[in-house]
Amino acid sequence: MMGRFNNYIENITPDIHNKTKSYISTNLAIFEPEDFILDKEICFDDYHFIMLFTTPPPAKIDKKPRQFKKGNLVSFDPGACLTVLSTGIHKYPVKYFDITIKRDFFQPVASEISRTNEVKFKRIETTFSYRLVEAIVNFQHEVLNFGSSYPLMVDSISIQVVGQLLREINGSNNIFRDKALRDQQSVTRAIDYMQSYYNGPISIEDICQIVHLSPHYFIRLFKQHTGQTPYQYLMAIRVQRAQEMLEKSNYSMGEVAALCGFVNAGHFATLFKRYTGVAPSEYRRHKRGWRQ
């Protein structure tokens, strides 16, 4: 497992690395150093985060000077470079978590949460909450006590860490708000499509092409927003249109079934009764008799 992080670990000088607590899984590594690596530019291959419990020395990110604050979370996209500067004035107290997450693990999790293929952080520095600390401590506890004996458990906690990091960095007004808006728009487009083409042979694949989502994700999303599966929602639209035709037209049951997108008259009769509690013919008689 450590081999996945060798490129980063090689940047840590032996005297610091020997005094560093390390918690390493296949996809996530957390380090608790007792000192800063000074005056050495370190470039990150993967997603990298630093949780600061004390005020660090001044630093440069991609040659730009920065002074980070105690109690903040600093985020680095892959390819970013950090240099922590020595000041020669006094020794800074050291307490921080150094977190590295493999790109091929972070991106799919972030994509599921944010619906973007490539995650770029809008803010380099933000505060962090006790929830993130709790997730980190849970990961440390699992690795320290069980190592790689339960990989599913480690991956589950790692996903929680990634999810909480995204919440901390982007907040409710950025990536999650954008995701909620995109999700709602996708559901609205799907409903509009079903209402326009309910009388045709619509499939889940057809709808997913319109909204640009996978069938598995779309079905789950649609049910979260409407309380029904896409199939149930489409059948409800067809039944509603059939009710209107039965009330206002003289079409036969077979014609109503065909015009509303049902497979045949038998399929129509079965679903109509399931949704309304009465057979189509009985519904027509009741409505016609009531009007008379």
C-alpha atoms as a PDB file:
ATOM      1  CA  MET A   1       0.000   0.000   0.000  1.00  0.00           C
ATOM      2  CA  MET A   2       2.807   2.385   0.873  1.00  0.00           C
ATOM      3  CA  GLY A   3       4.110   2.072  -2.694  1.00  0.00           C
ATOM      4  CA  ARG A   4       1.121   4.061  -3.950  1.00  0.00           C
ATOM      5  CA  PHE A   5       2.421   7.055  -2.004  1.00  0.00           C
ATOM      6  CA  ASN A   6       6.172   6.600  -2.475  1.00  0.00           C
ATOM      7  CA  ASN A   7       6.492   9.642  -4.746  1.00  0.00           C
ATOM      8  CA  TYR A   8       5.222  11.881  -1.967  1.00  0.00           C
ATOM      9  CA  ILE A   9       6.992  10.104   0.893  1.00  0.00           C
ATOM     10  CA  GLU A  10      10.325  10.500  -0.913  1.00  0.00           C
ATOM     11  CA  ASN A  11       9.944  14.287  -0.505  1.00  0.00           C
ATOM     12  CA  ILE A  12       9.972  13.937   3.287  1.00  0.00           C
ATOM     13  CA  THR A  13      13.456  14.124   4.757  1.00  0.00           C
ATOM     14  CA  PRO A  14      14.422  11.046   6.819  1.00  0.00           C
ATOM     15  CA  ASP A  15      14.753  12.986  10.086  1.00  0.00           C
ATOM     16  CA  ILE A  16      11.165  14.264   9.771  1.00  0.00           C
ATOM     17  CA  HIS A  17       9.745  11.031   8.366  1.00  0.00           C
ATOM     18  CA  ASN A  18      11.178   8.983  11.245  1.00  0.00           C
ATOM     19  CA  LYS A  19       9.225  11.130  13.718  1.00  0.00           C
ATOM     20  CA  THR A  20       6.009  11.179  11.679  1.00  0.00           C
ATOM     21  CA  LYS A  21       2.939   9.114  12.524  1.00  0.00           C
ATOM     22  CA  SER A  22       1.680   7.549   9.298  1.00  0.00           C
ATOM     23  CA  TYR A  23      -1.722   6.025   8.533  1.00  0.00           C
ATOM     24  CA  ILE A  24      -1.736   4.610   5.015  1.00  0.00           C
ATOM     25  CA  SER A  25      -4.326   2.659   3.044  1.00  0.00           C
ATOM     26  CA  THR A  26      -4.567   1.897  -0.652  1.00  0.00           C
ATOM     27  CA  ASN A  27      -6.133   5.248  -1.547  1.00  0.00           C
ATOM     28  CA  LEU A  28      -5.641   7.575   1.404  1.00  0.00           C
ATOM     29  CA  ALA A  29      -2.626   8.503   3.504  1.00  0.00           C
ATOM     30  CA  ILE A  30      -2.621  10.707   6.597  1.00  0.00           C
ATOM     31  CA  PHE A  31       0.580  11.924   8.220  1.00  0.00           C
ATOM     32  CA  GLU A  32       1.132  13.668  11.570  1.00  0.00           C
ATOM     33  CA  PRO A  33       4.604  15.226  11.332  1.00  0.00           C
ATOM     34  CA  GLU A  34       6.443  16.853  14.205  1.00  0.00           C
ATOM     35  CA  ASP A  35       8.059  19.479  12.007  1.00  0.00           C
ATOM     36  CA  PHE A  36       7.661  21.335   8.698  1.00  0.00           C
ATOM     37  CA  ILE A  37       9.708  20.553   5.600  1.00  0.00           C
ATOM     38  CA  LEU A  38      11.359  23.919   5.033  1.00  0.00           C
ATOM     39  CA  ASP A  39      12.673  25.608   1.883  1.00  0.00           C
ATOM     40  CA  LYS A  40      11.904  22.640  -0.364  1.00  0.00           C
ATOM     41  CA  GLU A  41       9.359  22.834  -3.156  1.00  0.00           C
ATOM     42  CA  ILE A  42       7.021  19.827  -3.100  1.00  0.00           C
ATOM     43  CA  CYS A  43       4.724  19.228  -6.068  1.00  0.00           C
ATOM     44  CA  PHE A  44       1.708  16.995  -5.598  1.00  0.00           C
ATOM     45  CA  ASP A  45       0.708  14.202  -7.977  1.00  0.00           C
ATOM     46  CA  ASP A  46      -2.596  13.646  -6.183  1.00  0.00           C
ATOM     47  CA  TYR A  47      -5.132  15.645  -4.172  1.00  0.00           C
ATOM     48  CA  HIS A  48      -3.458  17.030  -1.082  1.00  0.00           C
ATOM     49  CA  PHE A  49      -4.782  18.721   2.049  1.00  0.00           C
ATOM     50  CA  ILE A  50      -3.253  20.220   5.180  1.00  0.00           C
ATOM     51  CA  MET A  51      -5.305  20.695   8.352  1.00  0.00           C
ATOM     52  CA  LEU A  52      -3.604  23.310  10.506  1.00  0.00           C
ATOM     53  CA  PHE A  53      -4.006  23.194  14.279  1.00  0.00           C
ATOM     54  CA  THR A  54      -1.239  25.777  14.782  1.00  0.00           C
ATOM     55  CA  THR A  55      -0.104  28.773  12.727  1.00  0.00           C
ATOM     56  CA  PRO A  56       2.514  27.610  10.197  1.00  0.00           C
ATOM     57  CA  PRO A  57       5.496  29.518   8.775  1.00  0.00           C
ATOM     58  CA  PRO A  58       4.882  31.583   5.630  1.00  0.00           C
ATOM     59  CA  ALA A  59       4.729  29.613   2.405  1.00  0.00           C
ATOM     60  CA  LYS A  60       4.535  29.837  -1.354  1.00  0.00           C
ATOM     61  CA  ILE A  61       2.040  28.051  -3.587  1.00  0.00           C
ATOM     62  CA  ASP A  62       3.191  27.973  -7.187  1.00  0.00           C
ATOM     63  CA  LYS A  63       5.658  30.777  -6.335  1.00  0.00           C
ATOM     64  CA  LYS A  64       2.926  33.015  -4.834  1.00  0.00           C
ATOM     65  CA  PRO A  65       3.448  33.995  -1.153  1.00  0.00           C
ATOM     66  CA  ARG A  66       0.830  32.869   1.368  1.00  0.00           C
ATOM     67  CA  GLN A  67       0.413  32.966   5.129  1.00  0.00           C
ATOM     68  CA  PHE A  68      -2.002  30.293   6.265  1.00  0.00           C
ATOM     69  CA  LYS A  69      -3.989  30.499   9.487  1.00  0.00           C
ATOM     70  CA  LYS A  70      -4.445  28.222  12.454  1.00  0.00           C
ATOM     71  CA  GLY A  71      -7.702  26.289  12.262  1.00  0.00           C
ATOM     72  CA  ASN A  72      -7.823  26.275   8.472  1.00  0.00           C
ATOM     73  CA  LEU A  73      -7.812  23.593   5.782  1.00  0.00           C
ATOM     74  CA  VAL A  74      -5.498  24.146   2.807  1.00  0.00           C
ATOM     75  CA  SER A  75      -6.334  22.309  -0.437  1.00  0.00           C
ATOM     76  CA  PHE A  76      -4.089  21.484  -3.370  1.00  0.00           C
ATOM     77  CA  ASP A  77      -5.123  20.235  -6.806  1.00  0.00           C
ATOM     78  CA  PRO A  78      -2.826  17.692  -8.487  1.00  0.00           C
ATOM     79  CA  GLY A  79       0.112  19.545  -9.989  1.00  0.00           C
ATOM     80  CA  ALA A  80       0.181  22.303  -7.359  1.00  0.00           C
ATOM     81  CA  CYS A  81       3.519  23.037  -5.667  1.00  0.00           C
ATOM     82  CA  LEU A  82       4.129  24.129  -2.064  1.00  0.00           C
ATOM     83  CA  THR A  83       7.204  25.580  -0.391  1.00  0.00           C
ATOM     84  CA  VAL A  84       7.179  26.246   3.373  1.00  0.00           C
ATOM     85  CA  LEU A  85       9.703  29.021   4.131  1.00  0.00           C
ATOM     86  CA  SER A  86      12.159  29.215   6.998  1.00  0.00           C
ATOM     87  CA  THR A  87      12.172  32.587   8.741  1.00  0.00           C
ATOM     88  CA  GLY A  88      15.198  32.269  11.027  1.00  0.00           C
ATOM     89  CA  ILE A  89      13.290  34.130  13.724  1.00  0.00           C
ATOM     90  CA  HIS A  90      11.702  31.490  15.915  1.00  0.00           C
ATOM     91  CA  LYS A  91      10.562  27.909  15.770  1.00  0.00           C
ATOM     92  CA  TYR A  92       6.865  27.550  15.029  1.00  0.00           C
ATOM     93  CA  PRO A  93       4.774  25.120  17.106  1.00  0.00           C
ATOM     94  CA  VAL A  94       3.833  22.168  14.973  1.00  0.00           C
ATOM     95  CA  LYS A  95       0.457  20.444  14.872  1.00  0.00           C
ATOM     96  CA  TYR A  96      -1.133  19.517  11.551  1.00  0.00           C
ATOM     97  CA  PHE A  97      -2.549  16.658   9.515  1.00  0.00           C
ATOM     98  CA  ASP A  98      -1.030  16.073   6.102  1.00  0.00           C
ATOM     99  CA  ILE A  99      -3.560  14.261   3.870  1.00  0.00           C
ATOM    100  CA  THR A 100      -2.968  12.731   0.441  1.00  0.00           C
ATOM    101  CA  ILE A 101      -5.738  11.084  -1.587  1.00  0.00           C
ATOM    102  CA  LYS A 102      -5.050   9.210  -4.800  1.00  0.00           C
ATOM    103  CA  ARG A 103      -6.499  10.955  -7.818  1.00  0.00           C
ATOM    104  CA  ASP A 104      -8.066   7.770  -9.203  1.00  0.00           C
ATOM    105  CA  PHE A 105      -9.986   7.351  -5.931  1.00  0.00           C
ATOM    106  CA  PHE A 106     -10.871  10.983  -5.227  1.00  0.00           C
ATOM    107  CA  GLN A 107     -12.255  11.884  -8.656  1.00  0.00           C
ATOM    108  CA  PRO A 108     -14.927   9.142  -8.970  1.00  0.00           C
ATOM    109  CA  VAL A 109     -16.203   9.891  -5.464  1.00  0.00           C
ATOM    110  CA  ALA A 110     -16.228  13.638  -6.149  1.00  0.00           C
ATOM    111  CA  SER A 111     -17.883  13.050  -9.514  1.00  0.00           C
ATOM    112  CA  GLU A 112     -20.706  11.095  -7.866  1.00  0.00           C
ATOM    113  CA  ILE A 113     -21.214  13.948  -5.393  1.00  0.00           C
ATOM    114  CA  SER A 114     -20.668  16.952  -7.663  1.00  0.00           C
ATOM    115  CA  ARG A 115     -21.489  15.526 -11.131  1.00  0.00           C
ATOM    116  CA  THR A 116     -18.250  16.958 -12.574  1.00  0.00           C
ATOM    117  CA  ASN A 117     -15.523  14.904 -14.220  1.00  0.00           C
ATOM    118  CA  GLU A 118     -12.655  17.083 -13.027  1.00  0.00           C
ATOM    119  CA  VAL A 119     -12.624  18.679  -9.585  1.00  0.00           C
ATOM    120  CA  LYS A 120     -10.901  22.031  -9.208  1.00  0.00           C
ATOM    121  CA  PHE A 121     -10.990  23.752  -5.848  1.00  0.00           C
ATOM    122  CA  LYS A 122     -12.456  27.252  -5.890  1.00  0.00           C
ATOM    123  CA  ARG A 123     -10.827  28.143  -2.581  1.00  0.00           C
ATOM    124  CA  ILE A 124      -7.331  27.190  -1.463  1.00  0.00           C
ATOM    125  CA  GLU A 125      -7.979  27.897   2.216  1.00  0.00           C
ATOM    126  CA  THR A 126     -11.094  27.484   4.350  1.00  0.00           C
ATOM    127  CA  THR A 127     -12.010  26.560   7.900  1.00  0.00           C
ATOM    128  CA  PHE A 128     -12.665  22.952   8.876  1.00  0.00           C
ATOM    129  CA  SER A 129     -15.207  21.465  11.255  1.00  0.00           C
ATOM    130  CA  TYR A 130     -15.162  18.813  13.946  1.00  0.00           C
ATOM    131  CA  ARG A 131     -16.911  16.479  11.482  1.00  0.00           C
ATOM    132  CA  LEU A 132     -13.810  16.368   9.308  1.00  0.00           C
ATOM    133  CA  VAL A 133     -11.608  15.786  12.353  1.00  0.00           C
ATOM    134  CA  GLU A 134     -13.952  12.982  13.407  1.00  0.00           C
ATOM    135  CA  ALA A 135     -13.739  11.344   9.961  1.00  0.00           C
ATOM    136  CA  ILE A 136      -9.935  11.573  10.038  1.00  0.00           C
ATOM    137  CA  VAL A 137      -9.773  10.060  13.531  1.00  0.00           C
ATOM    138  CA  ASN A 138     -12.062   7.212  12.429  1.00  0.00           C
ATOM    139  CA  PHE A 139      -9.718   6.476   9.536  1.00  0.00           C
ATOM    140  CA  GLN A 140      -6.662   6.548  11.808  1.00  0.00           C
ATOM    141  CA  HIS A 141      -8.350   4.226  14.285  1.00  0.00           C
ATOM    142  CA  GLU A 142      -9.307   1.725  11.562  1.00  0.00           C
ATOM    143  CA  VAL A 143      -5.829   1.626  10.006  1.00  0.00           C
ATOM    144  CA  LEU A 144      -4.033   1.527  13.351  1.00  0.00           C
ATOM    145  CA  ASN A 145      -6.132  -1.291  14.786  1.00  0.00           C
ATOM    146  CA  PHE A 146      -7.025  -3.376  11.748  1.00  0.00           C
ATOM    147  CA  GLY A 147      -4.609  -2.392   8.991  1.00  0.00           C
ATOM    148  CA  SER A 148      -5.814  -3.762   5.658  1.00  0.00           C
ATOM    149  CA  SER A 149      -7.830  -6.623   7.170  1.00  0.00           C
ATOM    150  CA  TYR A 150     -11.148  -4.994   6.257  1.00  0.00           C
ATOM    151  CA  PRO A 151     -10.627  -3.136   2.953  1.00  0.00           C
ATOM    152  CA  LEU A 152     -14.321  -2.365   2.474  1.00  0.00           C
ATOM    153  CA  MET A 153     -14.414  -0.653   5.852  1.00  0.00           C
ATOM    154  CA  VAL A 154     -11.306   1.389   5.030  1.00  0.00           C
ATOM    155  CA  ASP A 155     -12.742   2.403   1.655  1.00  0.00           C
ATOM    156  CA  SER A 156     -16.051   3.329   3.273  1.00  0.00           C
ATOM    157  CA  ILE A 157     -14.343   5.613   5.789  1.00  0.00           C
ATOM    158  CA  SER A 158     -12.121   7.020   3.018  1.00  0.00           C
ATOM    159  CA  ILE A 159     -15.218   7.942   1.017  1.00  0.00           C
ATOM    160  CA  GLN A 160     -16.590   9.714   4.086  1.00  0.00           C
ATOM    161  CA  VAL A 161     -13.341  11.668   4.356  1.00  0.00           C
ATOM    162  CA  VAL A 162     -13.550  12.726   0.695  1.00  0.00           C
ATOM    163  CA  GLY A 163     -17.204  13.706   1.041  1.00  0.00           C
ATOM    164  CA  GLN A 164     -16.542  15.762   4.151  1.00  0.00           C
ATOM    165  CA  LEU A 165     -13.531  17.438   2.540  1.00  0.00           C
ATOM    166  CA  LEU A 166     -15.708  18.518  -0.386  1.00  0.00           C
ATOM    167  CA  ARG A 167     -18.274  19.930   2.018  1.00  0.00           C
ATOM    168  CA  GLU A 168     -15.641  21.831   3.954  1.00  0.00           C
ATOM    169  CA  ILE A 169     -13.934  23.250   0.860  1.00  0.00           C
ATOM    170  CA  ASN A 170     -16.857  24.107  -1.368  1.00  0.00           C
ATOM    171  CA  GLY A 171     -19.611  24.654   1.149  1.00  0.00           C
ATOM    172  CA  SER A 172     -23.323  24.551   0.529  1.00  0.00           C
ATOM    173  CA  ASN A 173     -23.172  27.570  -1.774  1.00  0.00           C
ATOM    174  CA  ASN A 174     -20.882  26.038  -4.368  1.00  0.00           C
ATOM    175  CA  ILE A 175     -20.518  22.471  -5.527  1.00  0.00           C
ATOM    176  CA  PHE A 176     -23.486  21.043  -3.607  1.00  0.00           C
ATOM    177  CA  ARG A 177     -25.827  23.880  -4.541  1.00  0.00           C
ATOM    178  CA  ASP A 178     -24.768  23.510  -8.180  1.00  0.00           C
ATOM    179  CA  LYS A 179     -25.318  19.750  -7.995  1.00  0.00           C
ATOM    180  CA  ALA A 180     -28.791  20.176  -6.497  1.00  0.00           C
ATOM    181  CA  LEU A 181     -29.696  22.626  -9.246  1.00  0.00           C
ATOM    182  CA  ARG A 182     -28.400  20.330 -11.987  1.00  0.00           C
ATOM    183  CA  ASP A 183     -30.228  17.377 -10.470  1.00  0.00           C
ATOM    184  CA  GLN A 184     -33.508  19.296 -10.359  1.00  0.00           C
ATOM    185  CA  GLN A 185     -33.035  20.424 -13.956  1.00  0.00           C
ATOM    186  CA  SER A 186     -32.392  16.826 -15.018  1.00  0.00           C
ATOM    187  CA  VAL A 187     -35.595  15.632 -13.353  1.00  0.00           C
ATOM    188  CA  THR A 188     -37.565  18.508 -14.910  1.00  0.00           C
ATOM    189  CA  ARG A 189     -36.224  17.720 -18.384  1.00  0.00           C
ATOM    190  CA  ALA A 190     -37.126  14.061 -17.925  1.00  0.00           C
ATOM    191  CA  ILE A 191     -40.686  14.919 -16.875  1.00  0.00           C
ATOM    192  CA  ASP A 192     -41.089  17.318 -19.812  1.00  0.00           C
ATOM    193  CA  TYR A 193     -39.877  14.591 -22.161  1.00  0.00           C
ATOM    194  CA  MET A 194     -42.307  12.029 -20.746  1.00  0.00           C
ATOM    195  CA  GLN A 195     -45.221  14.464 -20.950  1.00  0.00           C
ATOM    196  CA  SER A 196     -44.393  15.225 -24.587  1.00  0.00           C
ATOM    197  CA  TYR A 197     -43.766  11.667 -25.768  1.00  0.00           C
ATOM    198  CA  TYR A 198     -45.839   9.556 -23.376  1.00  0.00           C
ATOM    199  CA  ASN A 199     -47.634   7.925 -26.310  1.00  0.00           C
ATOM    200  CA  GLY A 200     -44.433   6.550 -27.794  1.00  0.00           C
ATOM    201  CA  PRO A 201     -42.219   3.593 -26.841  1.00  0.00           C
ATOM    202  CA  ILE A 202     -40.122   5.518 -24.288  1.00  0.00           C
ATOM    203  CA  SER A 203     -37.315   3.626 -22.559  1.00  0.00           C
ATOM    204  CA  ILE A 204     -35.071   4.527 -19.643  1.00  0.00           C
ATOM    205  CA  GLU A 205     -32.179   4.681 -22.099  1.00  0.00           C
ATOM    206  CA  ASP A 206     -34.058   7.285 -24.179  1.00  0.00           C
ATOM    207  CA  ILE A 207     -34.596   9.518 -21.155  1.00  0.00           C
ATOM    208  CA  CYS A 208     -31.014   9.093 -19.932  1.00  0.00           C
ATOM    209  CA  GLN A 209     -29.712  10.253 -23.294  1.00  0.00           C
ATOM    210  CA  ILE A 210     -31.756  13.428 -22.901  1.00  0.00           C
ATOM    211  CA  VAL A 211     -30.544  14.180 -19.368  1.00  0.00           C
ATOM    212  CA  HIS A 212     -26.984  12.803 -19.853  1.00  0.00           C
ATOM    213  CA  LEU A 213     -27.062  10.524 -16.815  1.00  0.00           C
ATOM    214  CA  SER A 214     -26.488   6.830 -16.277  1.00  0.00           C
ATOM    215  CA  PRO A 215     -29.683   4.743 -15.823  1.00  0.00           C
ATOM    216  CA  HIS A 216     -28.677   3.691 -12.299  1.00  0.00           C
ATOM    217  CA  TYR A 217     -28.032   7.257 -11.125  1.00  0.00           C
ATOM    218  CA  PHE A 218     -31.066   8.680 -12.934  1.00  0.00           C
ATOM    219  CA  ILE A 219     -33.559   6.175 -11.492  1.00  0.00           C
ATOM    220  CA  ARG A 220     -32.292   6.826  -7.962  1.00  0.00           C
ATOM    221  CA  LEU A 221     -32.292  10.602  -8.487  1.00  0.00           C
ATOM    222  CA  PHE A 222     -35.777  10.642 -10.031  1.00  0.00           C
ATOM    223  CA  LYS A 223     -37.261   8.672  -7.153  1.00  0.00           C
ATOM    224  CA  GLN A 224     -35.611  10.977  -4.610  1.00  0.00           C
ATOM    225  CA  HIS A 225     -37.288  13.985  -6.245  1.00  0.00           C
ATOM    226  CA  THR A 226     -40.702  12.548  -7.133  1.00  0.00           C
ATOM    227  CA  GLY A 227     -41.240   9.568  -4.839  1.00  0.00           C
ATOM    228  CA  GLN A 228     -41.793   7.376  -7.905  1.00  0.00           C
ATOM    229  CA  THR A 229     -39.622   5.508 -10.375  1.00  0.00           C
ATOM    230  CA  PRO A 230     -39.545   6.898 -13.936  1.00  0.00           C
ATOM    231  CA  TYR A 231     -41.675   3.938 -15.070  1.00  0.00           C
ATOM    232  CA  GLN A 232     -44.315   4.622 -12.416  1.00  0.00           C
ATOM    233  CA  TYR A 233     -44.351   8.313 -13.287  1.00  0.00           C
ATOM    234  CA  LEU A 234     -44.726   7.591 -17.014  1.00  0.00           C
ATOM    235  CA  MET A 235     -47.557   5.141 -16.393  1.00  0.00           C
ATOM    236  CA  ALA A 236     -49.316   7.776 -14.262  1.00  0.00           C
ATOM    237  CA  ILE A 237     -49.084  10.266 -17.152  1.00  0.00           C
ATOM    238  CA  ARG A 238     -50.505   7.678 -19.578  1.00  0.00           C
ATOM    239  CA  VAL A 239     -53.357   6.814 -17.220  1.00  0.00           C
ATOM    240  CA  GLN A 240     -54.176  10.500 -16.780  1.00  0.00           C
ATOM    241  CA  ARG A 241     -54.282  11.025 -20.555  1.00  0.00           C
ATOM    242  CA  ALA A 242     -56.425   7.893 -20.904  1.00  0.00           C
ATOM    243  CA  GLN A 243     -58.873   9.259 -18.329  1.00  0.00           C
ATOM    244  CA  GLU A 244     -59.247  12.428 -20.392  1.00  0.00           C
ATOM    245  CA  MET A 245     -59.880  10.429 -23.571  1.00  0.00           C
ATOM    246  CA  LEU A 246     -62.382   8.125 -21.898  1.00  0.00           C
ATOM    247  CA  GLU A 247     -64.333  11.152 -20.697  1.00  0.00           C
ATOM    248  CA  LYS A 248     -64.212  13.279 -23.838  1.00  0.00           C
ATOM    249  CA  SER A 249     -63.879  10.911 -26.836  1.00  0.00           C
ATOM    250  CA  ASN A 250     -65.584   7.898 -28.372  1.00  0.00           C
ATOM    251  CA  TYR A 251     -62.384   5.976 -29.034  1.00  0.00           C
ATOM    252  CA  SER A 252     -62.521   2.265 -28.361  1.00  0.00           C
ATOM    253  CA  MET A 253     -60.484   0.779 -25.510  1.00  0.00           C
ATOM    254  CA  GLY A 254     -57.900  -0.481 -27.989  1.00  0.00           C
ATOM    255  CA  GLU A 255     -57.615   2.945 -29.607  1.00  0.00           C
ATOM    256  CA  VAL A 256     -57.235   4.694 -26.243  1.00  0.00           C
ATOM    257  CA  ALA A 257     -54.557   2.173 -25.284  1.00  0.00           C
ATOM    258  CA  ALA A 258     -52.609   2.784 -28.510  1.00  0.00           C
ATOM    259  CA  LEU A 259     -52.961   6.577 -28.375  1.00  0.00           C
ATOM    260  CA  CYS A 260     -51.700   6.681 -24.778  1.00  0.00           C
ATOM    261  CA  GLY A 261     -48.671   4.470 -25.329  1.00  0.00           C
ATOM    262  CA  PHE A 262     -49.825   1.207 -23.741  1.00  0.00           C
ATOM    263  CA  VAL A 263     -48.659  -2.091 -25.234  1.00  0.00           C
ATOM    264  CA  ASN A 264     -52.202  -3.327 -25.887  1.00  0.00           C
ATOM    265  CA  ALA A 265     -55.736  -3.134 -24.498  1.00  0.00           C
ATOM    266  CA  GLY A 266     -55.027  -5.777 -21.854  1.00  0.00           C
ATOM    267  CA  HIS A 267     -51.928  -3.937 -20.614  1.00  0.00           C
ATOM    268  CA  PHE A 268     -53.958  -0.720 -20.569  1.00  0.00           C
ATOM    269  CA  ALA A 269     -56.830  -2.263 -18.592  1.00  0.00           C
ATOM    270  CA  THR A 270     -54.506  -3.800 -15.997  1.00  0.00           C
ATOM    271  CA  LEU A 271     -52.545  -0.603 -15.328  1.00  0.00           C
ATOM    272  CA  PHE A 272     -55.595   1.649 -15.460  1.00  0.00           C
ATOM    273  CA  LYS A 273     -57.326  -0.368 -12.742  1.00  0.00           C
ATOM    274  CA  ARG A 274     -54.118  -0.485 -10.677  1.00  0.00           C
ATOM    275  CA  TYR A 275     -53.858   3.305 -10.709  1.00  0.00           C
ATOM    276  CA  THR A 276     -57.558   4.253 -10.468  1.00  0.00           C
ATOM    277  CA  GLY A 277     -59.177   1.272  -8.791  1.00  0.00           C
ATOM    278  CA  VAL A 278     -61.726   0.761 -11.608  1.00  0.00           C
ATOM    279  CA  ALA A 279     -61.664  -0.734 -15.094  1.00  0.00           C
ATOM    280  CA  PRO A 280     -61.523   1.696 -18.069  1.00  0.00           C
ATOM    281  CA  SER A 281     -65.018   0.748 -19.262  1.00  0.00           C
ATOM    282  CA  GLU A 282     -66.461   1.261 -15.781  1.00  0.00           C
ATOM    283  CA  TYR A 283     -64.663   4.613 -15.503  1.00  0.00           C
ATOM    284  CA  ARG A 284     -66.178   5.748 -18.823  1.00  0.00           C
ATOM    285  CA  ARG A 285     -69.680   4.651 -17.844  1.00  0.00           C
ATOM    286  CA  HIS A 286     -69.401   6.404 -14.504  1.00  0.00           C
ATOM    287  CA  LYS A 287     -68.178   9.673 -16.036  1.00  0.00           C
ATOM    288  CA  ARG A 288     -70.667   9.620 -18.897  1.00  0.00           C
ATOM    289  CA  GLY A 289     -73.532   8.747 -16.545  1.00  0.00           C
ATOM    290  CA  TRP A 290     -72.528  11.483 -14.098  1.00  0.00           C
ATOM    291  CA  ARG A 291     -72.498  14.083 -16.872  1.00  0.00           C
ATOM    292  CA  GLN A 292     -75.923  12.988 -18.065  1.00  0.00           C
END
